[in-house]
Amino acid sequence: MLVSGGVDSAVCLALAKSQGLEPHALTFNYQQRHHVELEAARRVSDALGAVHHLILDLPLRKIGGSALTADLDVPKNVPLGEIESRIPVTYVPARNTIFLSFALGWAEVLECGDIFIGVNALDYSGYPDCRPQFIEAFERMANLATKMAVEGAARIEIHTPLIRLTKAQIILKGVALGIDFGITHSCYDPDARGAACGACDSCILRRKGFLEAGIPDPTVYAR
């Protein structure tokens, strides 16, 4: 179970638990500027009952190429229509490919054929590695590349239970599962206290989701 500490991964984790599964949570410290999300990931994993929470270090800042891993400005106050129509500078090159590859390796060690990721292809920032086509392609690759699948011990399945839901639908599902969204974090550019900026793409989409769901947003905003 990939857990970032955000709304989507929290709901994904809660869904897996509600199905009677015993999730192992995997989080990455990839030298992202929103380092506060690591604490959120710990809170989410503990609160929602992950069997184990593993945090791996990935030096993606050495590669850069993103406002999240390099000294580039995070876009602020971008119109909603534009957010949904372009690949922004906050896109981290090949991030979900890298994350899923590590998850695949750990899953094989655990002898587990099920990998969960909370990607979403509706209310999202236009990232190409959140689309169904990418997930389907990765799943095909995973079943060609692992001893577990090739020898027939288990088929690898990438679960994306939120991929065709709006952010509002995801939030309502989380409320039904009893999630306290106050433990989650979404902002790309929080201040030194961890308060959300309220103006980056992720904050805008989060606020839109809570507004459309009719649920109070528990986020602490800097302004």
C-alpha atoms as a PDB file:
ATOM      1  CA  MET A   1       0.000   0.000   0.000  1.00  0.00           C
ATOM      2  CA  LEU A   2       1.578   3.264  -1.142  1.00  0.00           C
ATOM      3  CA  VAL A   3       0.858   5.894   1.524  1.00  0.00           C
ATOM      4  CA  SER A   4       1.746   9.553   0.981  1.00  0.00           C
ATOM      5  CA  GLY A   5      -0.218  11.027   3.868  1.00  0.00           C
ATOM      6  CA  GLY A   6      -2.767  12.665   1.562  1.00  0.00           C
ATOM      7  CA  VAL A   7      -6.517  12.231   1.218  1.00  0.00           C
ATOM      8  CA  ASP A   8      -6.394   9.618  -1.534  1.00  0.00           C
ATOM      9  CA  SER A   9      -3.871   7.258   0.039  1.00  0.00           C
ATOM     10  CA  ALA A  10      -5.665   7.496   3.404  1.00  0.00           C
ATOM     11  CA  VAL A  11      -8.960   6.446   1.832  1.00  0.00           C
ATOM     12  CA  CYS A  12      -7.218   3.704  -0.128  1.00  0.00           C
ATOM     13  CA  LEU A  13      -5.682   2.330   3.073  1.00  0.00           C
ATOM     14  CA  ALA A  14      -9.011   2.460   4.908  1.00  0.00           C
ATOM     15  CA  LEU A  15     -10.718   0.648   2.025  1.00  0.00           C
ATOM     16  CA  ALA A  16      -8.157  -2.158   2.143  1.00  0.00           C
ATOM     17  CA  LYS A  17      -8.638  -2.517   5.897  1.00  0.00           C
ATOM     18  CA  SER A  18     -12.428  -2.595   5.453  1.00  0.00           C
ATOM     19  CA  GLN A  19     -11.985  -5.547   3.098  1.00  0.00           C
ATOM     20  CA  GLY A  20     -10.229  -7.531   5.818  1.00  0.00           C
ATOM     21  CA  LEU A  21      -6.754  -7.101   4.341  1.00  0.00           C
ATOM     22  CA  GLU A  22      -3.579  -6.542   6.368  1.00  0.00           C
ATOM     23  CA  PRO A  23      -1.816  -3.686   4.580  1.00  0.00           C
ATOM     24  CA  HIS A  24       1.892  -2.983   4.694  1.00  0.00           C
ATOM     25  CA  ALA A  25       2.346   0.763   4.161  1.00  0.00           C
ATOM     26  CA  LEU A  26       5.170   2.110   1.985  1.00  0.00           C
ATOM     27  CA  THR A  27       6.164   5.783   1.992  1.00  0.00           C
ATOM     28  CA  PHE A  28       9.039   7.547   0.227  1.00  0.00           C
ATOM     29  CA  ASN A  29      11.275  10.306   1.478  1.00  0.00           C
ATOM     30  CA  TYR A  30      12.282  11.432  -1.996  1.00  0.00           C
ATOM     31  CA  GLN A  31      13.695  14.764  -0.784  1.00  0.00           C
ATOM     32  CA  GLN A  32      10.424  16.491  -1.627  1.00  0.00           C
ATOM     33  CA  ARG A  33       9.945  20.053  -0.471  1.00  0.00           C
ATOM     34  CA  HIS A  34       6.714  19.108   1.329  1.00  0.00           C
ATOM     35  CA  HIS A  35       8.627  16.980   3.839  1.00  0.00           C
ATOM     36  CA  VAL A  36       5.783  17.394   6.331  1.00  0.00           C
ATOM     37  CA  GLU A  37       3.910  14.743   4.347  1.00  0.00           C
ATOM     38  CA  LEU A  38       6.168  12.092   5.921  1.00  0.00           C
ATOM     39  CA  GLU A  39       4.714  12.891   9.350  1.00  0.00           C
ATOM     40  CA  ALA A  40       1.230  12.776   7.826  1.00  0.00           C
ATOM     41  CA  ALA A  41       2.009   9.365   6.332  1.00  0.00           C
ATOM     42  CA  ARG A  42       3.044   8.118   9.779  1.00  0.00           C
ATOM     43  CA  ARG A  43      -0.161   9.446  11.318  1.00  0.00           C
ATOM     44  CA  VAL A  44      -2.316   7.881   8.606  1.00  0.00           C
ATOM     45  CA  SER A  45      -0.563   4.503   8.799  1.00  0.00           C
ATOM     46  CA  ASP A  46      -0.858   4.385  12.590  1.00  0.00           C
ATOM     47  CA  ALA A  47      -4.445   5.629  12.753  1.00  0.00           C
ATOM     48  CA  LEU A  48      -5.737   3.312  10.038  1.00  0.00           C
ATOM     49  CA  GLY A  49      -3.968   0.195  11.260  1.00  0.00           C
ATOM     50  CA  ALA A  50      -1.181  -0.628   8.823  1.00  0.00           C
ATOM     51  CA  VAL A  51       0.597  -3.842   9.855  1.00  0.00           C
ATOM     52  CA  HIS A  52       3.957  -2.221   9.157  1.00  0.00           C
ATOM     53  CA  HIS A  53       5.056   1.174   7.837  1.00  0.00           C
ATOM     54  CA  LEU A  54       8.259   1.323   5.820  1.00  0.00           C
ATOM     55  CA  ILE A  55       9.799   4.650   4.763  1.00  0.00           C
ATOM     56  CA  LEU A  56      12.431   4.442   2.028  1.00  0.00           C
ATOM     57  CA  ASP A  57      14.914   7.178   1.120  1.00  0.00           C
ATOM     58  CA  LEU A  58      15.174   8.096  -2.557  1.00  0.00           C
ATOM     59  CA  PRO A  59      17.571  10.916  -3.573  1.00  0.00           C
ATOM     60  CA  LEU A  60      15.373  12.301  -6.348  1.00  0.00           C
ATOM     61  CA  ARG A  61      16.633  15.838  -5.667  1.00  0.00           C
ATOM     62  CA  LYS A  62      19.861  14.745  -7.357  1.00  0.00           C
ATOM     63  CA  ILE A  63      17.818  14.302 -10.538  1.00  0.00           C
ATOM     64  CA  GLY A  64      15.553  17.310 -10.019  1.00  0.00           C
ATOM     65  CA  GLY A  65      13.302  18.331 -12.879  1.00  0.00           C
ATOM     66  CA  SER A  66      10.305  19.182 -10.673  1.00  0.00           C
ATOM     67  CA  ALA A  67       9.214  22.024  -8.417  1.00  0.00           C
ATOM     68  CA  LEU A  68       8.946  19.391  -5.690  1.00  0.00           C
ATOM     69  CA  THR A  69      12.563  18.211  -6.000  1.00  0.00           C
ATOM     70  CA  ALA A  70      14.426  21.250  -7.350  1.00  0.00           C
ATOM     71  CA  ASP A  71      14.697  24.985  -6.734  1.00  0.00           C
ATOM     72  CA  LEU A  72      11.715  25.870  -8.896  1.00  0.00           C
ATOM     73  CA  ASP A  73       8.684  27.857  -7.840  1.00  0.00           C
ATOM     74  CA  VAL A  74       5.499  25.930  -7.090  1.00  0.00           C
ATOM     75  CA  PRO A  75       2.716  27.417  -9.275  1.00  0.00           C
ATOM     76  CA  LYS A  76       0.073  29.267  -7.276  1.00  0.00           C
ATOM     77  CA  ASN A  77      -3.529  30.317  -7.973  1.00  0.00           C
ATOM     78  CA  VAL A  78      -3.711  28.504 -11.324  1.00  0.00           C
ATOM     79  CA  PRO A  79      -7.280  28.511 -12.737  1.00  0.00           C
ATOM     80  CA  LEU A  80      -9.033  25.187 -12.229  1.00  0.00           C
ATOM     81  CA  GLY A  81      -9.532  24.630 -15.957  1.00  0.00           C
ATOM     82  CA  GLU A  82      -5.805  25.020 -16.532  1.00  0.00           C
ATOM     83  CA  ILE A  83      -4.925  22.667 -13.664  1.00  0.00           C
ATOM     84  CA  GLU A  84      -6.875  19.902 -15.370  1.00  0.00           C
ATOM     85  CA  SER A  85      -5.475  20.515 -18.854  1.00  0.00           C
ATOM     86  CA  ARG A  86      -1.682  20.500 -18.508  1.00  0.00           C
ATOM     87  CA  ILE A  87       1.211  18.600 -16.963  1.00  0.00           C
ATOM     88  CA  PRO A  88       2.540  21.043 -14.345  1.00  0.00           C
ATOM     89  CA  VAL A  89       6.066  21.685 -13.127  1.00  0.00           C
ATOM     90  CA  THR A  90       5.148  19.824  -9.911  1.00  0.00           C
ATOM     91  CA  TYR A  91       5.201  16.582 -11.929  1.00  0.00           C
ATOM     92  CA  VAL A  92       8.111  14.487 -10.635  1.00  0.00           C
ATOM     93  CA  PRO A  93       9.695  12.566 -13.550  1.00  0.00           C
ATOM     94  CA  ALA A  94       8.597   8.906 -13.506  1.00  0.00           C
ATOM     95  CA  ARG A  95       7.595   9.125  -9.824  1.00  0.00           C
ATOM     96  CA  ASN A  96       4.829   6.525  -9.795  1.00  0.00           C
ATOM     97  CA  THR A  97       6.895   4.190 -11.981  1.00  0.00           C
ATOM     98  CA  ILE A  98       9.699   4.413  -9.432  1.00  0.00           C
ATOM     99  CA  PHE A  99       7.372   4.079  -6.444  1.00  0.00           C
ATOM    100  CA  LEU A 100       5.507   1.106  -7.873  1.00  0.00           C
ATOM    101  CA  SER A 101       8.786  -0.614  -8.745  1.00  0.00           C
ATOM    102  CA  PHE A 102       9.893  -0.497  -5.104  1.00  0.00           C
ATOM    103  CA  ALA A 103       6.426  -1.595  -4.006  1.00  0.00           C
ATOM    104  CA  LEU A 104       6.646  -4.496  -6.429  1.00  0.00           C
ATOM    105  CA  GLY A 105       9.975  -5.589  -4.989  1.00  0.00           C
ATOM    106  CA  TRP A 106       8.674  -5.469  -1.416  1.00  0.00           C
ATOM    107  CA  ALA A 107       5.465  -7.258  -2.419  1.00  0.00           C
ATOM    108  CA  GLU A 108       7.489 -10.113  -3.871  1.00  0.00           C
ATOM    109  CA  VAL A 109       9.510 -10.414  -0.663  1.00  0.00           C
ATOM    110  CA  LEU A 110       6.247 -10.468   1.314  1.00  0.00           C
ATOM    111  CA  GLU A 111       4.821 -13.039  -1.142  1.00  0.00           C
ATOM    112  CA  CYS A 112       1.921 -10.683  -1.735  1.00  0.00           C
ATOM    113  CA  GLY A 113       0.291 -10.243  -5.145  1.00  0.00           C
ATOM    114  CA  ASP A 114      -1.797  -7.167  -4.300  1.00  0.00           C
ATOM    115  CA  ILE A 115      -0.453  -3.613  -4.544  1.00  0.00           C
ATOM    116  CA  PHE A 116      -2.706  -0.635  -3.756  1.00  0.00           C
ATOM    117  CA  ILE A 117      -2.132   2.915  -4.978  1.00  0.00           C
ATOM    118  CA  GLY A 118      -4.525   5.851  -4.574  1.00  0.00           C
ATOM    119  CA  VAL A 119      -4.089   7.378  -8.027  1.00  0.00           C
ATOM    120  CA  ASN A 120      -6.979   9.346  -9.454  1.00  0.00           C
ATOM    121  CA  ALA A 121      -7.681  10.277 -13.080  1.00  0.00           C
ATOM    122  CA  LEU A 122     -10.505  12.794 -12.560  1.00  0.00           C
ATOM    123  CA  ASP A 123      -9.724  15.521  -9.976  1.00  0.00           C
ATOM    124  CA  TYR A 124      -5.940  15.509 -10.342  1.00  0.00           C
ATOM    125  CA  SER A 125      -3.100  17.682 -11.655  1.00  0.00           C
ATOM    126  CA  GLY A 126      -2.723  16.121 -15.091  1.00  0.00           C
ATOM    127  CA  TYR A 127       0.054  13.682 -14.212  1.00  0.00           C
ATOM    128  CA  PRO A 128       0.491  10.985 -16.899  1.00  0.00           C
ATOM    129  CA  ASP A 129       1.369   8.326 -14.312  1.00  0.00           C
ATOM    130  CA  CYS A 130      -2.073   8.584 -12.686  1.00  0.00           C
ATOM    131  CA  ARG A 131      -3.959   7.322 -15.747  1.00  0.00           C
ATOM    132  CA  PRO A 132      -5.548   3.867 -16.152  1.00  0.00           C
ATOM    133  CA  GLN A 133      -3.368   3.186 -19.210  1.00  0.00           C
ATOM    134  CA  PHE A 134      -0.227   3.535 -17.124  1.00  0.00           C
ATOM    135  CA  ILE A 135      -1.504   1.271 -14.344  1.00  0.00           C
ATOM    136  CA  GLU A 136      -2.556  -1.399 -16.842  1.00  0.00           C
ATOM    137  CA  ALA A 137       0.850  -1.274 -18.537  1.00  0.00           C
ATOM    138  CA  PHE A 138       2.722  -1.509 -15.231  1.00  0.00           C
ATOM    139  CA  GLU A 139       0.627  -4.479 -14.142  1.00  0.00           C
ATOM    140  CA  ARG A 140       1.438  -6.304 -17.383  1.00  0.00           C
ATOM    141  CA  MET A 141       5.124  -5.585 -16.871  1.00  0.00           C
ATOM    142  CA  ALA A 142       5.010  -6.730 -13.237  1.00  0.00           C
ATOM    143  CA  ASN A 143       3.647 -10.123 -14.255  1.00  0.00           C
ATOM    144  CA  LEU A 144       6.479 -10.544 -16.750  1.00  0.00           C
ATOM    145  CA  ALA A 145       9.262  -9.322 -14.479  1.00  0.00           C
ATOM    146  CA  THR A 146       8.806 -11.167 -11.171  1.00  0.00           C
ATOM    147  CA  LYS A 147       9.725 -14.692 -10.147  1.00  0.00           C
ATOM    148  CA  MET A 148       6.498 -14.944  -8.146  1.00  0.00           C
ATOM    149  CA  ALA A 149       4.343 -14.318 -11.212  1.00  0.00           C
ATOM    150  CA  VAL A 150       6.447 -16.262 -13.725  1.00  0.00           C
ATOM    151  CA  GLU A 151       6.506 -19.373 -11.531  1.00  0.00           C
ATOM    152  CA  GLY A 152       2.760 -19.088 -10.910  1.00  0.00           C
ATOM    153  CA  ALA A 153       2.907 -18.496  -7.147  1.00  0.00           C
ATOM    154  CA  ALA A 154       0.743 -15.395  -7.465  1.00  0.00           C
ATOM    155  CA  ARG A 155      -0.459 -12.941 -10.079  1.00  0.00           C
ATOM    156  CA  ILE A 156       0.431  -9.318  -9.449  1.00  0.00           C
ATOM    157  CA  GLU A 157      -2.580  -6.992  -9.369  1.00  0.00           C
ATOM    158  CA  ILE A 158      -2.327  -3.213  -9.050  1.00  0.00           C
ATOM    159  CA  HIS A 159      -5.447  -2.013  -7.221  1.00  0.00           C
ATOM    160  CA  THR A 160      -6.646   1.529  -7.927  1.00  0.00           C
ATOM    161  CA  PRO A 161     -10.040   1.774  -6.176  1.00  0.00           C
ATOM    162  CA  LEU A 162     -10.182   5.580  -6.498  1.00  0.00           C
ATOM    163  CA  ILE A 163      -9.044   6.039 -10.060  1.00  0.00           C
ATOM    164  CA  ARG A 164     -12.449   6.958 -11.523  1.00  0.00           C
ATOM    165  CA  LEU A 165     -13.821   8.914  -8.545  1.00  0.00           C
ATOM    166  CA  THR A 166     -13.967  12.672  -8.082  1.00  0.00           C
ATOM    167  CA  LYS A 167     -12.212  14.175  -5.083  1.00  0.00           C
ATOM    168  CA  ALA A 168     -15.608  14.826  -3.497  1.00  0.00           C
ATOM    169  CA  GLN A 169     -16.597  11.171  -3.929  1.00  0.00           C
ATOM    170  CA  ILE A 170     -13.294  10.081  -2.400  1.00  0.00           C
ATOM    171  CA  ILE A 171     -13.810  12.362   0.600  1.00  0.00           C
ATOM    172  CA  LEU A 172     -17.368  11.100   1.155  1.00  0.00           C
ATOM    173  CA  LYS A 173     -16.115   7.518   0.968  1.00  0.00           C
ATOM    174  CA  GLY A 174     -13.493   8.389   3.568  1.00  0.00           C
ATOM    175  CA  VAL A 175     -16.082   9.960   5.857  1.00  0.00           C
ATOM    176  CA  ALA A 176     -18.156   6.772   5.612  1.00  0.00           C
ATOM    177  CA  LEU A 177     -15.062   4.805   6.633  1.00  0.00           C
ATOM    178  CA  GLY A 178     -14.559   7.036   9.671  1.00  0.00           C
ATOM    179  CA  ILE A 179     -11.379   8.825   8.538  1.00  0.00           C
ATOM    180  CA  ASP A 180     -10.314  11.978  10.356  1.00  0.00           C
ATOM    181  CA  PHE A 181      -8.964  14.007   7.435  1.00  0.00           C
ATOM    182  CA  GLY A 182      -7.286  16.356   9.887  1.00  0.00           C
ATOM    183  CA  ILE A 183      -4.385  13.866  10.031  1.00  0.00           C
ATOM    184  CA  THR A 184      -3.771  14.104   6.274  1.00  0.00           C
ATOM    185  CA  HIS A 185      -1.653  16.601   4.327  1.00  0.00           C
ATOM    186  CA  SER A 186      -1.909  17.675   0.681  1.00  0.00           C
ATOM    187  CA  CYS A 187      -0.026  20.967   0.192  1.00  0.00           C
ATOM    188  CA  TYR A 188       2.991  21.127  -2.136  1.00  0.00           C
ATOM    189  CA  ASP A 189       4.447  24.215  -0.476  1.00  0.00           C
ATOM    190  CA  PRO A 190       3.660  24.353   3.266  1.00  0.00           C
ATOM    191  CA  ASP A 191       5.216  26.956   5.541  1.00  0.00           C
ATOM    192  CA  ALA A 192       7.768  26.226   8.253  1.00  0.00           C
ATOM    193  CA  ARG A 193       4.971  25.249  10.659  1.00  0.00           C
ATOM    194  CA  GLY A 194       3.491  22.789   8.161  1.00  0.00           C
ATOM    195  CA  ALA A 195       0.463  24.956   7.400  1.00  0.00           C
ATOM    196  CA  ALA A 196      -0.899  24.584   3.862  1.00  0.00           C
ATOM    197  CA  CYS A 197      -0.363  27.435   1.401  1.00  0.00           C
ATOM    198  CA  GLY A 198      -3.943  27.285   0.104  1.00  0.00           C
ATOM    199  CA  ALA A 199      -2.881  28.297  -3.410  1.00  0.00           C
ATOM    200  CA  CYS A 200      -0.964  25.404  -5.022  1.00  0.00           C
ATOM    201  CA  ASP A 201      -2.728  22.939  -7.334  1.00  0.00           C
ATOM    202  CA  SER A 202      -3.024  20.331  -4.608  1.00  0.00           C
ATOM    203  CA  CYS A 203      -4.570  22.770  -2.112  1.00  0.00           C
ATOM    204  CA  ILE A 204      -7.023  24.032  -4.735  1.00  0.00           C
ATOM    205  CA  LEU A 205      -8.153  20.504  -5.633  1.00  0.00           C
ATOM    206  CA  ARG A 206      -8.424  19.521  -1.971  1.00  0.00           C
ATOM    207  CA  ARG A 207     -10.547  22.567  -1.116  1.00  0.00           C
ATOM    208  CA  LYS A 208     -12.724  21.962  -4.188  1.00  0.00           C
ATOM    209  CA  GLY A 209     -13.284  18.366  -3.087  1.00  0.00           C
ATOM    210  CA  PHE A 210     -14.363  19.262   0.442  1.00  0.00           C
ATOM    211  CA  LEU A 211     -16.599  22.058  -0.848  1.00  0.00           C
ATOM    212  CA  GLU A 212     -18.346  19.770  -3.356  1.00  0.00           C
ATOM    213  CA  ALA A 213     -18.686  17.029  -0.735  1.00  0.00           C
ATOM    214  CA  GLY A 214     -20.293  19.483   1.690  1.00  0.00           C
ATOM    215  CA  ILE A 215     -17.764  18.486   4.352  1.00  0.00           C
ATOM    216  CA  PRO A 216     -15.768  21.041   6.410  1.00  0.00           C
ATOM    217  CA  ASP A 217     -12.108  21.105   5.346  1.00  0.00           C
ATOM    218  CA  PRO A 218      -9.995  20.479   8.492  1.00  0.00           C
ATOM    219  CA  THR A 219      -6.812  21.753   6.820  1.00  0.00           C
ATOM    220  CA  VAL A 220      -4.822  24.442   8.636  1.00  0.00           C
ATOM    221  CA  TYR A 221      -4.019  27.073   6.015  1.00  0.00           C
ATOM    222  CA  ALA A 222      -1.280  29.666   6.303  1.00  0.00           C
ATOM    223  CA  ARG A 223      -3.587  32.274   4.806  1.00  0.00           C
END
